[in-house]
């Protein structure tokens, strides 16, 4: 089961675009594969955070996600 994108970034649903960007940068740096070599959990977490940011940073995709959840993005 996938985590909620907001939960993945550790932000509230009413977060601003700047909050989303800041949370992504913080989490991406923490879990980046270059900083955690040979750590598959960190790599998976990095992918999860990157995917969450890809959706939440795009206003149209964010709106679809907020209204219908992840199924709207398939």
C-alpha atoms as a PDB file:
ATOM      1  CA  UNK A   1       0.000   0.000   0.000  1.00  0.00           C
ATOM      2  CA  UNK A   2       1.363   3.387  -0.992  1.00  0.00           C
ATOM      3  CA  UNK A   3       1.604   6.243   1.446  1.00  0.00           C
ATOM      4  CA  UNK A   4      -0.291   9.476   1.056  1.00  0.00           C
ATOM      5  CA  UNK A   5       1.887  11.959  -0.844  1.00  0.00           C
ATOM      6  CA  UNK A   6       1.482  14.617   1.820  1.00  0.00           C
ATOM      7  CA  UNK A   7       2.474  12.109   4.491  1.00  0.00           C
ATOM      8  CA  UNK A   8       5.500  11.088   2.424  1.00  0.00           C
ATOM      9  CA  UNK A   9       6.767  14.661   2.488  1.00  0.00           C
ATOM     10  CA  UNK A  10       5.673  15.281   6.080  1.00  0.00           C
ATOM     11  CA  UNK A  11       3.414  18.231   5.262  1.00  0.00           C
ATOM     12  CA  UNK A  12      -0.221  19.242   5.713  1.00  0.00           C
ATOM     13  CA  UNK A  13      -2.739  19.182   2.898  1.00  0.00           C
ATOM     14  CA  UNK A  14      -2.914  22.983   2.966  1.00  0.00           C
ATOM     15  CA  UNK A  15       0.845  23.373   2.415  1.00  0.00           C
ATOM     16  CA  UNK A  16       2.012  26.080   0.051  1.00  0.00           C
ATOM     17  CA  UNK A  17       4.123  25.416  -3.044  1.00  0.00           C
ATOM     18  CA  UNK A  18       7.154  26.688  -1.106  1.00  0.00           C
ATOM     19  CA  UNK A  19       6.388  24.278   1.786  1.00  0.00           C
ATOM     20  CA  UNK A  20       6.172  21.386  -0.677  1.00  0.00           C
ATOM     21  CA  UNK A  21       9.464  22.304  -2.307  1.00  0.00           C
ATOM     22  CA  UNK A  22      11.223  22.733   1.033  1.00  0.00           C
ATOM     23  CA  UNK A  23       9.929  19.421   2.375  1.00  0.00           C
ATOM     24  CA  UNK A  24      10.988  17.633  -0.803  1.00  0.00           C
ATOM     25  CA  UNK A  25      14.505  19.034  -0.667  1.00  0.00           C
ATOM     26  CA  UNK A  26      14.860  18.078   2.995  1.00  0.00           C
ATOM     27  CA  UNK A  27      13.672  14.505   2.459  1.00  0.00           C
ATOM     28  CA  UNK A  28      15.511  14.032  -0.836  1.00  0.00           C
ATOM     29  CA  UNK A  29      18.827  15.066   0.696  1.00  0.00           C
ATOM     30  CA  UNK A  30      18.277  12.775   3.660  1.00  0.00           C
ATOM     31  CA  UNK A  31      17.461   9.706   1.540  1.00  0.00           C
ATOM     32  CA  UNK A  32      19.479  10.330  -1.634  1.00  0.00           C
ATOM     33  CA  UNK A  33      21.205   7.146  -2.898  1.00  0.00           C
ATOM     34  CA  UNK A  34      24.558   8.933  -3.132  1.00  0.00           C
ATOM     35  CA  UNK A  35      24.409   9.719   0.575  1.00  0.00           C
ATOM     36  CA  UNK A  36      23.200   6.215   1.452  1.00  0.00           C
ATOM     37  CA  UNK A  37      25.091   3.779  -0.756  1.00  0.00           C
ATOM     38  CA  UNK A  38      23.922   0.164  -0.616  1.00  0.00           C
ATOM     39  CA  UNK A  39      20.824   1.122   1.405  1.00  0.00           C
ATOM     40  CA  UNK A  40      17.796  -0.153  -0.499  1.00  0.00           C
ATOM     41  CA  UNK A  41      15.334   1.326   2.026  1.00  0.00           C
ATOM     42  CA  UNK A  42      16.785   4.812   1.523  1.00  0.00           C
ATOM     43  CA  UNK A  43      16.605   4.353  -2.237  1.00  0.00           C
ATOM     44  CA  UNK A  44      12.941   3.302  -2.058  1.00  0.00           C
ATOM     45  CA  UNK A  45      12.174   6.233   0.242  1.00  0.00           C
ATOM     46  CA  UNK A  46      13.920   8.600  -2.180  1.00  0.00           C
ATOM     47  CA  UNK A  47      11.771   7.293  -5.038  1.00  0.00           C
ATOM     48  CA  UNK A  48       8.632   7.688  -2.922  1.00  0.00           C
ATOM     49  CA  UNK A  49       9.517  11.275  -2.026  1.00  0.00           C
ATOM     50  CA  UNK A  50      10.395  12.109  -5.637  1.00  0.00           C
ATOM     51  CA  UNK A  51       7.107  10.706  -6.879  1.00  0.00           C
ATOM     52  CA  UNK A  52       5.169  12.670  -4.252  1.00  0.00           C
ATOM     53  CA  UNK A  53       6.943  15.872  -5.261  1.00  0.00           C
ATOM     54  CA  UNK A  54       6.316  15.241  -8.956  1.00  0.00           C
ATOM     55  CA  UNK A  55       2.577  15.164  -8.271  1.00  0.00           C
ATOM     56  CA  UNK A  56       2.299  17.871  -5.622  1.00  0.00           C
ATOM     57  CA  UNK A  57       4.504  20.392  -7.422  1.00  0.00           C
ATOM     58  CA  UNK A  58       2.292  20.327 -10.531  1.00  0.00           C
ATOM     59  CA  UNK A  59      -0.896  22.353  -9.831  1.00  0.00           C
ATOM     60  CA  UNK A  60      -3.084  20.307 -12.208  1.00  0.00           C
ATOM     61  CA  UNK A  61      -1.899  16.923 -10.932  1.00  0.00           C
ATOM     62  CA  UNK A  62      -2.135  18.158  -7.325  1.00  0.00           C
ATOM     63  CA  UNK A  63      -5.745  19.198  -7.850  1.00  0.00           C
ATOM     64  CA  UNK A  64      -6.616  15.801  -9.345  1.00  0.00           C
ATOM     65  CA  UNK A  65      -4.853  14.032  -6.472  1.00  0.00           C
ATOM     66  CA  UNK A  66      -6.625  16.179  -3.872  1.00  0.00           C
ATOM     67  CA  UNK A  67     -10.022  15.513  -5.419  1.00  0.00           C
ATOM     68  CA  UNK A  68      -9.797  11.867  -6.424  1.00  0.00           C
ATOM     69  CA  UNK A  69      -6.665  10.396  -4.871  1.00  0.00           C
ATOM     70  CA  UNK A  70      -3.962   8.421  -6.600  1.00  0.00           C
ATOM     71  CA  UNK A  71      -6.405   6.623  -8.892  1.00  0.00           C
ATOM     72  CA  UNK A  72      -6.941   9.866 -10.836  1.00  0.00           C
ATOM     73  CA  UNK A  73      -3.279   9.881 -11.845  1.00  0.00           C
ATOM     74  CA  UNK A  74      -3.274   6.445 -13.468  1.00  0.00           C
END
